[in-house]
Amino acid sequence: NGLACKNPMHVQADDFFFSGLTTT
């Protein structure tokens, strides 16, 4: 119910990042 977890040793900053909300 949700999604399985990635191995925490493979987690990177990009897993917590999103770019694309600039005003348009």
mmCIF file of all heavy atoms, coordinates in Angstrom:
data_MODEL
# 
_entry.id   MODEL 
# 
loop_
_atom_site.group_PDB 
_atom_site.id 
_atom_site.type_symbol 
_atom_site.label_atom_id 
_atom_site.label_alt_id 
_atom_site.label_comp_id 
_atom_site.label_asym_id 
_atom_site.label_entity_id 
_atom_site.label_seq_id 
_atom_site.pdbx_PDB_ins_code 
_atom_site.Cartn_x 
_atom_site.Cartn_y 
_atom_site.Cartn_z 
_atom_site.occupancy 
_atom_site.B_iso_or_equiv 
_atom_site.pdbx_formal_charge 
_atom_site.auth_seq_id 
_atom_site.auth_comp_id 
_atom_site.auth_asym_id 
_atom_site.auth_atom_id 
_atom_site.pdbx_PDB_model_num 
ATOM 1   N N   . ASN A 1 1  ? 0.861  -1.180 0.000   1.00 0.00 ? 1  ASN A N   1 
ATOM 2   C CA  . ASN A 1 1  ? 0.000  0.000  0.000   1.00 0.00 ? 1  ASN A CA  1 
ATOM 3   C C   . ASN A 1 1  ? 0.900  1.233  0.000   1.00 0.00 ? 1  ASN A C   1 
ATOM 4   O O   . ASN A 1 1  ? 1.173  1.840  1.026   1.00 0.00 ? 1  ASN A O   1 
ATOM 5   C CB  . ASN A 1 1  ? -0.912 0.004  1.221   1.00 0.00 ? 1  ASN A CB  1 
ATOM 6   C CG  . ASN A 1 1  ? -1.896 1.160  1.172   1.00 0.00 ? 1  ASN A CG  1 
ATOM 7   O OD1 . ASN A 1 1  ? -2.196 1.684  0.112   1.00 0.00 ? 1  ASN A OD1 1 
ATOM 8   N ND2 . ASN A 1 1  ? -2.385 1.581  2.328   1.00 0.00 ? 1  ASN A ND2 1 
ATOM 9   N N   . GLY A 1 2  ? 1.332  1.611  -1.171  1.00 0.00 ? 2  GLY A N   1 
ATOM 10  C CA  . GLY A 1 2  ? 2.333  2.654  -1.345  1.00 0.00 ? 2  GLY A CA  1 
ATOM 11  C C   . GLY A 1 2  ? 3.402  2.114  -2.267  1.00 0.00 ? 2  GLY A C   1 
ATOM 12  O O   . GLY A 1 2  ? 3.099  1.428  -3.236  1.00 0.00 ? 2  GLY A O   1 
ATOM 13  N N   . LEU A 1 3  ? 4.637  2.369  -1.970  1.00 0.00 ? 3  LEU A N   1 
ATOM 14  C CA  . LEU A 1 3  ? 5.738  1.888  -2.786  1.00 0.00 ? 3  LEU A CA  1 
ATOM 15  C C   . LEU A 1 3  ? 6.824  1.309  -1.886  1.00 0.00 ? 3  LEU A C   1 
ATOM 16  O O   . LEU A 1 3  ? 7.025  1.771  -0.758  1.00 0.00 ? 3  LEU A O   1 
ATOM 17  C CB  . LEU A 1 3  ? 6.317  3.025  -3.635  1.00 0.00 ? 3  LEU A CB  1 
ATOM 18  C CG  . LEU A 1 3  ? 5.371  3.589  -4.700  1.00 0.00 ? 3  LEU A CG  1 
ATOM 19  C CD1 . LEU A 1 3  ? 5.835  4.963  -5.164  1.00 0.00 ? 3  LEU A CD1 1 
ATOM 20  C CD2 . LEU A 1 3  ? 5.275  2.631  -5.881  1.00 0.00 ? 3  LEU A CD2 1 
ATOM 21  N N   . ALA A 1 4  ? 7.505  0.297  -2.388  1.00 0.00 ? 4  ALA A N   1 
ATOM 22  C CA  . ALA A 1 4  ? 8.587  -0.332 -1.629  1.00 0.00 ? 4  ALA A CA  1 
ATOM 23  C C   . ALA A 1 4  ? 9.734  0.651  -1.431  1.00 0.00 ? 4  ALA A C   1 
ATOM 24  O O   . ALA A 1 4  ? 9.888  1.625  -2.179  1.00 0.00 ? 4  ALA A O   1 
ATOM 25  C CB  . ALA A 1 4  ? 9.066  -1.576 -2.364  1.00 0.00 ? 4  ALA A CB  1 
ATOM 26  N N   . CYS A 1 5  ? 10.543 0.399  -0.420  1.00 0.00 ? 5  CYS A N   1 
ATOM 27  C CA  . CYS A 1 5  ? 11.656 1.294  -0.086  1.00 0.00 ? 5  CYS A CA  1 
ATOM 28  C C   . CYS A 1 5  ? 12.921 0.939  -0.855  1.00 0.00 ? 5  CYS A C   1 
ATOM 29  O O   . CYS A 1 5  ? 13.279 -0.231 -0.987  1.00 0.00 ? 5  CYS A O   1 
ATOM 30  C CB  . CYS A 1 5  ? 11.974 1.216  1.411   1.00 0.00 ? 5  CYS A CB  1 
ATOM 31  S SG  . CYS A 1 5  ? 10.600 1.623  2.501   1.00 0.00 ? 5  CYS A SG  1 
ATOM 32  N N   . LYS A 1 6  ? 13.600 1.965  -1.316  1.00 0.00 ? 6  LYS A N   1 
ATOM 33  C CA  . LYS A 1 6  ? 14.926 1.793  -1.901  1.00 0.00 ? 6  LYS A CA  1 
ATOM 34  C C   . LYS A 1 6  ? 15.928 1.511  -0.782  1.00 0.00 ? 6  LYS A C   1 
ATOM 35  O O   . LYS A 1 6  ? 15.745 1.946  0.366   1.00 0.00 ? 6  LYS A O   1 
ATOM 36  C CB  . LYS A 1 6  ? 15.316 3.054  -2.658  1.00 0.00 ? 6  LYS A CB  1 
ATOM 37  C CG  . LYS A 1 6  ? 16.685 3.016  -3.318  1.00 0.00 ? 6  LYS A CG  1 
ATOM 38  C CD  . LYS A 1 6  ? 17.081 4.377  -3.864  1.00 0.00 ? 6  LYS A CD  1 
ATOM 39  C CE  . LYS A 1 6  ? 16.264 4.760  -5.072  1.00 0.00 ? 6  LYS A CE  1 
ATOM 40  N NZ  . LYS A 1 6  ? 16.797 6.002  -5.712  1.00 0.00 ? 6  LYS A NZ  1 
ATOM 41  N N   . ASN A 1 7  ? 16.961 0.769  -1.110  1.00 0.00 ? 7  ASN A N   1 
ATOM 42  C CA  . ASN A 1 7  ? 18.045 0.557  -0.157  1.00 0.00 ? 7  ASN A CA  1 
ATOM 43  C C   . ASN A 1 7  ? 18.570 1.917  0.305   1.00 0.00 ? 7  ASN A C   1 
ATOM 44  O O   . ASN A 1 7  ? 19.002 2.732  -0.512  1.00 0.00 ? 7  ASN A O   1 
ATOM 45  C CB  . ASN A 1 7  ? 19.178 -0.234 -0.823  1.00 0.00 ? 7  ASN A CB  1 
ATOM 46  C CG  . ASN A 1 7  ? 20.298 -0.599 0.133   1.00 0.00 ? 7  ASN A CG  1 
ATOM 47  O OD1 . ASN A 1 7  ? 20.567 0.114  1.105   1.00 0.00 ? 7  ASN A OD1 1 
ATOM 48  N ND2 . ASN A 1 7  ? 20.962 -1.705 -0.135  1.00 0.00 ? 7  ASN A ND2 1 
ATOM 49  N N   . PRO A 1 8  ? 18.517 2.205  1.620   1.00 0.00 ? 8  PRO A N   1 
ATOM 50  C CA  . PRO A 1 8  ? 18.915 3.542  2.096   1.00 0.00 ? 8  PRO A CA  1 
ATOM 51  C C   . PRO A 1 8  ? 20.351 3.911  1.743   1.00 0.00 ? 8  PRO A C   1 
ATOM 52  O O   . PRO A 1 8  ? 20.676 5.102  1.649   1.00 0.00 ? 8  PRO A O   1 
ATOM 53  C CB  . PRO A 1 8  ? 18.718 3.459  3.610   1.00 0.00 ? 8  PRO A CB  1 
ATOM 54  C CG  . PRO A 1 8  ? 18.654 2.002  3.937   1.00 0.00 ? 8  PRO A CG  1 
ATOM 55  C CD  . PRO A 1 8  ? 18.083 1.338  2.728   1.00 0.00 ? 8  PRO A CD  1 
ATOM 56  N N   . MET A 1 9  ? 21.204 2.917  1.518   1.00 0.00 ? 9  MET A N   1 
ATOM 57  C CA  . MET A 1 9  ? 22.577 3.208  1.144   1.00 0.00 ? 9  MET A CA  1 
ATOM 58  C C   . MET A 1 9  ? 22.671 3.722  -0.290  1.00 0.00 ? 9  MET A C   1 
ATOM 59  O O   . MET A 1 9  ? 23.704 4.277  -0.686  1.00 0.00 ? 9  MET A O   1 
ATOM 60  C CB  . MET A 1 9  ? 23.446 1.958  1.320   1.00 0.00 ? 9  MET A CB  1 
ATOM 61  C CG  . MET A 1 9  ? 23.519 1.456  2.752   1.00 0.00 ? 9  MET A CG  1 
ATOM 62  S SD  . MET A 1 9  ? 24.045 2.746  3.923   1.00 0.00 ? 9  MET A SD  1 
ATOM 63  C CE  . MET A 1 9  ? 25.709 3.076  3.325   1.00 0.00 ? 9  MET A CE  1 
ATOM 64  N N   . HIS A 1 10 ? 21.624 3.533  -1.076  1.00 0.00 ? 10 HIS A N   1 
ATOM 65  C CA  . HIS A 1 10 ? 21.620 3.990  -2.466  1.00 0.00 ? 10 HIS A CA  1 
ATOM 66  C C   . HIS A 1 10 ? 20.887 5.320  -2.633  1.00 0.00 ? 10 HIS A C   1 
ATOM 67  O O   . HIS A 1 10 ? 20.763 5.830  -3.741  1.00 0.00 ? 10 HIS A O   1 
ATOM 68  C CB  . HIS A 1 10 ? 20.958 2.942  -3.366  1.00 0.00 ? 10 HIS A CB  1 
ATOM 69  C CG  . HIS A 1 10 ? 21.677 1.631  -3.374  1.00 0.00 ? 10 HIS A CG  1 
ATOM 70  N ND1 . HIS A 1 10 ? 21.094 0.453  -3.817  1.00 0.00 ? 10 HIS A ND1 1 
ATOM 71  C CD2 . HIS A 1 10 ? 22.944 1.299  -2.967  1.00 0.00 ? 10 HIS A CD2 1 
ATOM 72  C CE1 . HIS A 1 10 ? 21.963 -0.538 -3.694  1.00 0.00 ? 10 HIS A CE1 1 
ATOM 73  N NE2 . HIS A 1 10 ? 23.098 -0.047 -3.183  1.00 0.00 ? 10 HIS A NE2 1 
ATOM 74  N N   . VAL A 1 11 ? 20.374 5.866  -1.551  1.00 0.00 ? 11 VAL A N   1 
ATOM 75  C CA  . VAL A 1 11 ? 19.603 7.110  -1.604  1.00 0.00 ? 11 VAL A CA  1 
ATOM 76  C C   . VAL A 1 11 ? 20.527 8.301  -1.847  1.00 0.00 ? 11 VAL A C   1 
ATOM 77  O O   . VAL A 1 11 ? 21.602 8.395  -1.252  1.00 0.00 ? 11 VAL A O   1 
ATOM 78  C CB  . VAL A 1 11 ? 18.814 7.296  -0.293  1.00 0.00 ? 11 VAL A CB  1 
ATOM 79  C CG1 . VAL A 1 11 ? 18.250 8.699  -0.185  1.00 0.00 ? 11 VAL A CG1 1 
ATOM 80  C CG2 . VAL A 1 11 ? 17.691 6.261  -0.211  1.00 0.00 ? 11 VAL A CG2 1 
ATOM 81  N N   . GLN A 1 12 ? 20.082 9.197  -2.729  1.00 0.00 ? 12 GLN A N   1 
ATOM 82  C CA  . GLN A 1 12 ? 20.845 10.398 -3.057  1.00 0.00 ? 12 GLN A CA  1 
ATOM 83  C C   . GLN A 1 12 ? 19.982 11.642 -2.828  1.00 0.00 ? 12 GLN A C   1 
ATOM 84  O O   . GLN A 1 12 ? 18.762 11.548 -2.654  1.00 0.00 ? 12 GLN A O   1 
ATOM 85  C CB  . GLN A 1 12 ? 21.299 10.358 -4.528  1.00 0.00 ? 12 GLN A CB  1 
ATOM 86  C CG  . GLN A 1 12 ? 22.106 9.130  -4.903  1.00 0.00 ? 12 GLN A CG  1 
ATOM 87  C CD  . GLN A 1 12 ? 23.462 9.091  -4.224  1.00 0.00 ? 12 GLN A CD  1 
ATOM 88  O OE1 . GLN A 1 12 ? 24.048 10.136 -3.952  1.00 0.00 ? 12 GLN A OE1 1 
ATOM 89  N NE2 . GLN A 1 12 ? 23.957 7.896  -3.951  1.00 0.00 ? 12 GLN A NE2 1 
ATOM 90  N N   . ALA A 1 13 ? 20.597 12.814 -2.871  1.00 0.00 ? 13 ALA A N   1 
ATOM 91  C CA  . ALA A 1 13 ? 19.874 14.067 -2.672  1.00 0.00 ? 13 ALA A CA  1 
ATOM 92  C C   . ALA A 1 13 ? 18.775 14.247 -3.709  1.00 0.00 ? 13 ALA A C   1 
ATOM 93  O O   . ALA A 1 13 ? 17.706 14.808 -3.416  1.00 0.00 ? 13 ALA A O   1 
ATOM 94  C CB  . ALA A 1 13 ? 20.845 15.249 -2.722  1.00 0.00 ? 13 ALA A CB  1 
ATOM 95  N N   . ASP A 1 14 ? 19.008 13.764 -4.934  1.00 0.00 ? 14 ASP A N   1 
ATOM 96  C CA  . ASP A 1 14 ? 18.012 13.906 -6.001  1.00 0.00 ? 14 ASP A CA  1 
ATOM 97  C C   . ASP A 1 14 ? 16.705 13.190 -5.663  1.00 0.00 ? 14 ASP A C   1 
ATOM 98  O O   . ASP A 1 14 ? 15.659 13.516 -6.239  1.00 0.00 ? 14 ASP A O   1 
ATOM 99  C CB  . ASP A 1 14 ? 18.559 13.365 -7.325  1.00 0.00 ? 14 ASP A CB  1 
ATOM 100 C CG  . ASP A 1 14 ? 19.513 14.350 -7.987  1.00 0.00 ? 14 ASP A CG  1 
ATOM 101 O OD1 . ASP A 1 14 ? 19.581 15.507 -7.517  1.00 0.00 ? 14 ASP A OD1 1 
ATOM 102 O OD2 . ASP A 1 14 ? 20.178 13.964 -8.966  1.00 0.00 ? 14 ASP A OD2 1 
ATOM 103 N N   . ASP A 1 15 ? 16.739 12.208 -4.766  1.00 0.00 ? 15 ASP A N   1 
ATOM 104 C CA  . ASP A 1 15 ? 15.516 11.496 -4.372  1.00 0.00 ? 15 ASP A CA  1 
ATOM 105 C C   . ASP A 1 15 ? 14.580 12.392 -3.570  1.00 0.00 ? 15 ASP A C   1 
ATOM 106 O O   . ASP A 1 15 ? 13.401 12.053 -3.381  1.00 0.00 ? 15 ASP A O   1 
ATOM 107 C CB  . ASP A 1 15 ? 15.862 10.253 -3.542  1.00 0.00 ? 15 ASP A CB  1 
ATOM 108 C CG  . ASP A 1 15 ? 16.564 9.190  -4.360  1.00 0.00 ? 15 ASP A CG  1 
ATOM 109 O OD1 . ASP A 1 15 ? 16.121 8.934  -5.492  1.00 0.00 ? 15 ASP A OD1 1 
ATOM 110 O OD2 . ASP A 1 15 ? 17.547 8.609  -3.863  1.00 0.00 ? 15 ASP A OD2 1 
ATOM 111 N N   . PHE A 1 16 ? 15.083 13.532 -3.090  1.00 0.00 ? 16 PHE A N   1 
ATOM 112 C CA  . PHE A 1 16 ? 14.282 14.454 -2.286  1.00 0.00 ? 16 PHE A CA  1 
ATOM 113 C C   . PHE A 1 16 ? 14.120 15.805 -2.985  1.00 0.00 ? 16 PHE A C   1 
ATOM 114 O O   . PHE A 1 16 ? 13.730 16.783 -2.349  1.00 0.00 ? 16 PHE A O   1 
ATOM 115 C CB  . PHE A 1 16 ? 14.942 14.673 -0.916  1.00 0.00 ? 16 PHE A CB  1 
ATOM 116 C CG  . PHE A 1 16 ? 15.136 13.398 -0.142  1.00 0.00 ? 16 PHE A CG  1 
ATOM 117 C CD1 . PHE A 1 16 ? 16.318 12.682 -0.253  1.00 0.00 ? 16 PHE A CD1 1 
ATOM 118 C CD2 . PHE A 1 16 ? 14.135 12.911 0.679   1.00 0.00 ? 16 PHE A CD2 1 
ATOM 119 C CE1 . PHE A 1 16 ? 16.502 11.504 0.452   1.00 0.00 ? 16 PHE A CE1 1 
ATOM 120 C CE2 . PHE A 1 16 ? 14.310 11.730 1.385   1.00 0.00 ? 16 PHE A CE2 1 
ATOM 121 C CZ  . PHE A 1 16 ? 15.491 11.023 1.272   1.00 0.00 ? 16 PHE A CZ  1 
ATOM 122 N N   . PHE A 1 17 ? 14.392 15.841 -4.286  1.00 0.00 ? 17 PHE A N   1 
ATOM 123 C CA  . PHE A 1 17 ? 14.489 17.112 -5.005  1.00 0.00 ? 17 PHE A CA  1 
ATOM 124 C C   . PHE A 1 17 ? 13.605 17.116 -6.242  1.00 0.00 ? 17 PHE A C   1 
ATOM 125 O O   . PHE A 1 17 ? 13.418 16.102 -6.908  1.00 0.00 ? 17 PHE A O   1 
ATOM 126 C CB  . PHE A 1 17 ? 15.953 17.333 -5.407  1.00 0.00 ? 17 PHE A CB  1 
ATOM 127 C CG  . PHE A 1 17 ? 16.181 18.510 -6.318  1.00 0.00 ? 17 PHE A CG  1 
ATOM 128 C CD1 . PHE A 1 17 ? 16.221 19.795 -5.801  1.00 0.00 ? 17 PHE A CD1 1 
ATOM 129 C CD2 . PHE A 1 17 ? 16.339 18.323 -7.680  1.00 0.00 ? 17 PHE A CD2 1 
ATOM 130 C CE1 . PHE A 1 17 ? 16.429 20.883 -6.637  1.00 0.00 ? 17 PHE A CE1 1 
ATOM 131 C CE2 . PHE A 1 17 ? 16.542 19.399 -8.522  1.00 0.00 ? 17 PHE A CE2 1 
ATOM 132 C CZ  . PHE A 1 17 ? 16.588 20.679 -7.998  1.00 0.00 ? 17 PHE A CZ  1 
ATOM 133 N N   . PHE A 1 18 ? 13.028 18.309 -6.538  1.00 0.00 ? 18 PHE A N   1 
ATOM 134 C CA  . PHE A 1 18 ? 12.271 18.505 -7.778  1.00 0.00 ? 18 PHE A CA  1 
ATOM 135 C C   . PHE A 1 18 ? 12.477 19.936 -8.241  1.00 0.00 ? 18 PHE A C   1 
ATOM 136 O O   . PHE A 1 18 ? 12.474 20.869 -7.437  1.00 0.00 ? 18 PHE A O   1 
ATOM 137 C CB  . PHE A 1 18 ? 10.781 18.252 -7.561  1.00 0.00 ? 18 PHE A CB  1 
ATOM 138 C CG  . PHE A 1 18 ? 9.927  18.567 -8.763  1.00 0.00 ? 18 PHE A CG  1 
ATOM 139 C CD1 . PHE A 1 18 ? 9.825  17.671 -9.810  1.00 0.00 ? 18 PHE A CD1 1 
ATOM 140 C CD2 . PHE A 1 18 ? 9.232  19.763 -8.834  1.00 0.00 ? 18 PHE A CD2 1 
ATOM 141 C CE1 . PHE A 1 18 ? 9.031  17.958 -10.910 1.00 0.00 ? 18 PHE A CE1 1 
ATOM 142 C CE2 . PHE A 1 18 ? 8.442  20.072 -9.942  1.00 0.00 ? 18 PHE A CE2 1 
ATOM 143 C CZ  . PHE A 1 18 ? 8.335  19.157 -10.976 1.00 0.00 ? 18 PHE A CZ  1 
ATOM 144 N N   . SER A 1 19 ? 12.675 20.120 -9.529  1.00 0.00 ? 19 SER A N   1 
ATOM 145 C CA  . SER A 1 19 ? 12.828 21.452 -10.105 1.00 0.00 ? 19 SER A CA  1 
ATOM 146 C C   . SER A 1 19 ? 11.809 21.610 -11.222 1.00 0.00 ? 19 SER A C   1 
ATOM 147 O O   . SER A 1 19 ? 11.653 20.723 -12.052 1.00 0.00 ? 19 SER A O   1 
ATOM 148 C CB  . SER A 1 19 ? 14.244 21.628 -10.668 1.00 0.00 ? 19 SER A CB  1 
ATOM 149 O OG  . SER A 1 19 ? 14.377 22.895 -11.279 1.00 0.00 ? 19 SER A OG  1 
ATOM 150 N N   . GLY A 1 20 ? 11.092 22.722 -11.220 1.00 0.00 ? 20 GLY A N   1 
ATOM 151 C CA  . GLY A 1 20 ? 10.119 22.929 -12.287 1.00 0.00 ? 20 GLY A CA  1 
ATOM 152 C C   . GLY A 1 20 ? 8.907  23.733 -11.875 1.00 0.00 ? 20 GLY A C   1 
ATOM 153 O O   . GLY A 1 20 ? 7.891  23.723 -12.565 1.00 0.00 ? 20 GLY A O   1 
ATOM 154 N N   . LEU A 1 21 ? 9.006  24.437 -10.751 1.00 0.00 ? 21 LEU A N   1 
ATOM 155 C CA  . LEU A 1 21 ? 7.867  25.234 -10.284 1.00 0.00 ? 21 LEU A CA  1 
ATOM 156 C C   . LEU A 1 21 ? 8.068  26.722 -10.504 1.00 0.00 ? 21 LEU A C   1 
ATOM 157 O O   . LEU A 1 21 ? 7.426  27.539 -9.854  1.00 0.00 ? 21 LEU A O   1 
ATOM 158 C CB  . LEU A 1 21 ? 7.598  24.958 -8.797  1.00 0.00 ? 21 LEU A CB  1 
ATOM 159 C CG  . LEU A 1 21 ? 7.123  23.545 -8.464  1.00 0.00 ? 21 LEU A CG  1 
ATOM 160 C CD1 . LEU A 1 21 ? 6.864  23.409 -6.969  1.00 0.00 ? 21 LEU A CD1 1 
ATOM 161 C CD2 . LEU A 1 21 ? 5.861  23.200 -9.243  1.00 0.00 ? 21 LEU A CD2 1 
ATOM 162 N N   . THR A 1 22 ? 8.987  27.077 -11.403 1.00 0.00 ? 22 THR A N   1 
ATOM 163 C CA  . THR A 1 22 ? 9.196  28.491 -11.693 1.00 0.00 ? 22 THR A CA  1 
ATOM 164 C C   . THR A 1 22 ? 7.961  29.069 -12.372 1.00 0.00 ? 22 THR A C   1 
ATOM 165 O O   . THR A 1 22 ? 7.233  28.372 -13.077 1.00 0.00 ? 22 THR A O   1 
ATOM 166 C CB  . THR A 1 22 ? 10.410 28.673 -12.613 1.00 0.00 ? 22 THR A CB  1 
ATOM 167 O OG1 . THR A 1 22 ? 10.241 27.845 -13.777 1.00 0.00 ? 22 THR A OG1 1 
ATOM 168 C CG2 . THR A 1 22 ? 11.694 28.293 -11.901 1.00 0.00 ? 22 THR A CG2 1 
ATOM 169 N N   . THR A 1 23 ? 7.730  30.367 -12.139 1.00 0.00 ? 23 THR A N   1 
ATOM 170 C CA  . THR A 1 23 ? 6.543  31.020 -12.670 1.00 0.00 ? 23 THR A CA  1 
ATOM 171 C C   . THR A 1 23 ? 6.524  30.975 -14.191 1.00 0.00 ? 23 THR A C   1 
ATOM 172 O O   . THR A 1 23 ? 7.519  31.232 -14.858 1.00 0.00 ? 23 THR A O   1 
ATOM 173 C CB  . THR A 1 23 ? 6.488  32.489 -12.203 1.00 0.00 ? 23 THR A CB  1 
ATOM 174 O OG1 . THR A 1 23 ? 6.497  32.518 -10.782 1.00 0.00 ? 23 THR A OG1 1 
ATOM 175 C CG2 . THR A 1 23 ? 5.231  33.172 -12.719 1.00 0.00 ? 23 THR A CG2 1 
ATOM 176 N N   . THR A 1 24 ? 5.371  30.619 -14.728 1.00 0.00 ? 24 THR A N   1 
ATOM 177 C CA  . THR A 1 24 ? 5.187  30.575 -16.183 1.00 0.00 ? 24 THR A CA  1 
ATOM 178 C C   . THR A 1 24 ? 3.748  30.898 -16.505 1.00 0.00 ? 24 THR A C   1 
ATOM 179 O O   . THR A 1 24 ? 2.853  30.661 -15.704 1.00 0.00 ? 24 THR A O   1 
ATOM 180 C CB  . THR A 1 24 ? 5.544  29.182 -16.750 1.00 0.00 ? 24 THR A CB  1 
ATOM 181 O OG1 . THR A 1 24 ? 5.258  29.173 -18.157 1.00 0.00 ? 24 THR A OG1 1 
ATOM 182 C CG2 . THR A 1 24 ? 4.722  28.089 -16.094 1.00 0.00 ? 24 THR A CG2 1 
# 
